[in-house]
Protein backbone atom coordinates (compact mmCIF):
# COMPACT_ATOMS: atom_id res chain seq x y z
CA MET A 1 -17.76 0.39 22.57
CA LYS A 2 -15.96 -1.99 20.19
CA LEU A 3 -17.77 -4.95 21.76
CA HIS A 4 -21.10 -3.24 21.10
CA ALA A 5 -20.08 -2.57 17.52
CA PHE A 6 -19.05 -6.21 17.10
CA LEU A 7 -22.37 -7.40 18.50
CA ALA A 8 -24.22 -4.99 16.24
CA ALA A 9 -22.29 -6.20 13.22
CA ALA A 10 -22.97 -9.82 14.18
CA PHE A 11 -26.67 -9.06 14.49
CA VAL A 12 -26.70 -7.42 11.07
CA MET A 13 -24.93 -10.43 9.53
CA ILE A 14 -27.38 -12.86 11.10
CA ALA A 15 -30.38 -10.73 10.15
CA ALA A 16 -29.07 -10.34 6.61
CA SER A 17 -28.19 -13.97 6.02
CA GLY A 18 -31.62 -14.74 4.60
CA ALA A 19 -32.83 -12.60 1.74
CA GLY A 20 -30.30 -9.76 1.80
CA VAL A 21 -29.74 -6.89 4.17
CA SER A 22 -32.36 -4.28 4.73
CA ALA A 23 -31.14 -0.76 5.20
CA GLN A 24 -33.69 -0.43 7.98
CA VAL A 25 -32.06 -3.32 9.89
CA ALA A 26 -28.66 -1.59 9.85
CA LEU A 27 -30.25 1.67 10.92
CA ASP A 28 -32.21 -0.06 13.69
CA VAL A 29 -29.09 -1.80 15.03
CA HIS A 30 -27.23 1.48 15.36
CA SER A 31 -30.29 3.13 16.92
CA ALA A 32 -30.69 0.24 19.37
CA LEU A 33 -27.15 0.93 20.59
CA GLY A 34 -28.29 4.44 21.49
CA LEU A 35 -26.49 6.12 18.60
CA ALA A 36 -27.99 9.32 17.28
CA CYS A 37 -27.46 10.56 13.73
CA SER A 38 -25.11 13.22 15.11
CA ASP A 39 -22.84 10.52 16.58
CA CYS A 40 -21.70 9.67 13.05
CA HIS A 41 -22.77 12.67 10.95
CA ALA A 42 -21.14 16.05 11.56
CA GLU A 43 -23.55 18.06 9.40
CA ASP A 44 -27.16 18.84 10.21
CA PRO A 45 -29.17 17.67 8.42
CA PRO A 46 -26.92 14.67 7.67
CA LEU A 47 -26.32 14.60 3.94
CA LEU A 48 -22.96 12.89 3.46
CA ALA A 49 -21.48 9.55 4.47
CA PRO A 50 -19.40 9.95 7.63
CA PRO A 51 -15.61 10.03 7.22
CA ASN A 52 -13.91 6.63 7.37
CA ALA A 53 -12.44 7.47 10.78
CA VAL A 54 -15.96 7.50 12.25
CA CYS A 55 -16.67 3.94 11.07
CA VAL A 56 -13.21 2.70 12.07
CA ALA A 57 -13.57 4.14 15.58
CA CYS A 58 -16.27 1.54 16.37
CA HIS A 59 -15.84 -1.21 13.78
CA GLY A 60 -12.05 -1.24 13.39
CA THR A 61 -10.29 -1.33 10.05
CA MET A 62 -11.31 -4.92 9.23
CA THR A 63 -7.63 -5.44 8.41
CA ASP A 64 -6.57 -5.68 12.07
CA ALA A 65 -7.46 -9.36 12.35
CA PRO A 66 -6.69 -12.24 10.01
CA PRO A 67 -9.27 -12.81 7.27
CA PRO A 68 -12.02 -15.30 8.09
CA ALA A 69 -11.05 -18.87 7.17
CA THR A 70 -14.47 -19.46 5.60
CA LEU A 71 -14.45 -16.47 3.28
CA PRO A 72 -15.95 -17.76 0.00
CA GLY A 73 -14.18 -15.30 -2.26
CA PRO A 74 -11.69 -12.43 -2.25
CA ASP A 75 -11.52 -10.31 0.88
CA PRO A 76 -12.59 -6.80 -0.19
CA HIS A 77 -11.03 -5.32 2.96
CA ARG A 78 -7.61 -6.53 1.77
CA SER A 79 -7.83 -5.54 -1.88
CA PRO A 80 -4.66 -5.78 -3.96
CA HIS A 81 -5.66 -2.36 -5.31
CA LEU A 82 -4.92 -0.77 -1.92
CA GLY A 83 -1.49 0.31 -0.80
CA PRO A 84 0.30 -1.15 2.22
CA ARG A 85 -1.70 -0.48 5.41
CA GLU A 86 -4.32 1.40 3.34
CA VAL A 87 -7.89 0.94 4.56
CA PRO A 88 -10.77 0.84 2.08
CA VAL A 89 -13.38 3.59 2.26
CA CYS A 90 -16.26 1.98 4.19
CA ALA A 91 -19.02 3.97 2.46
CA GLU A 92 -17.92 2.75 -0.98
CA CYS A 93 -19.79 -0.49 -0.19
CA HIS A 94 -21.57 -0.20 3.15
CA ARG A 95 -24.75 1.83 3.55
CA ILE A 96 -27.02 2.45 6.52
CA HIS A 97 -29.97 4.14 4.82
CA SER A 98 -30.02 2.09 1.60
CA PRO A 99 -28.94 -1.41 0.60
CA SER A 100 -25.18 -1.95 0.58
CA GLU A 101 -23.47 -2.73 -2.70
CA VAL A 102 -20.16 -4.23 -3.74
CA SER A 103 -18.07 -1.66 -5.57
CA CYS A 104 -15.58 -4.42 -6.57
CA ALA A 105 -18.27 -5.90 -8.82
CA ILE A 106 -18.16 -2.82 -11.06
CA CYS A 107 -15.01 -4.25 -12.66
CA HIS A 108 -15.00 -7.80 -11.27
CA GLN A 109 -18.44 -8.92 -12.39
CA GLY A 110 -17.74 -12.55 -11.55
CA PHE A 111 -17.17 -11.83 -7.85
CA GLU A 112 -19.98 -12.78 -5.54
CA PHE A 113 -20.14 -11.20 -2.10
CA ASN A 114 -22.80 -11.42 0.57
CA ILE A 115 -22.32 -7.88 1.78
CA LYS A 116 -23.58 -6.74 5.16
């Protein structure tokens, strides 16, 4: 399952590299993997972002591997604002049904991220 999640994430990054990520693309990628809303959302109808553990189960913590060597700016997954071994809340930045946004930029307005 992690390989599928990696491939889905890679597809989203490639698809988003042009003019920004479309929420529909992220939704379509998850749907193409055969995921139903209920695979991530516990409530029906789904109203809330899934718990972090749901995202981490497929995508990992993003802190498991070394940061990419080509990262153009700070690594938001390894924020100095987090405690040791603390994982950021995925839904603070990443969205499936609407465009993702960088919560770091609320305070750090000079940061530029190409969020997927």
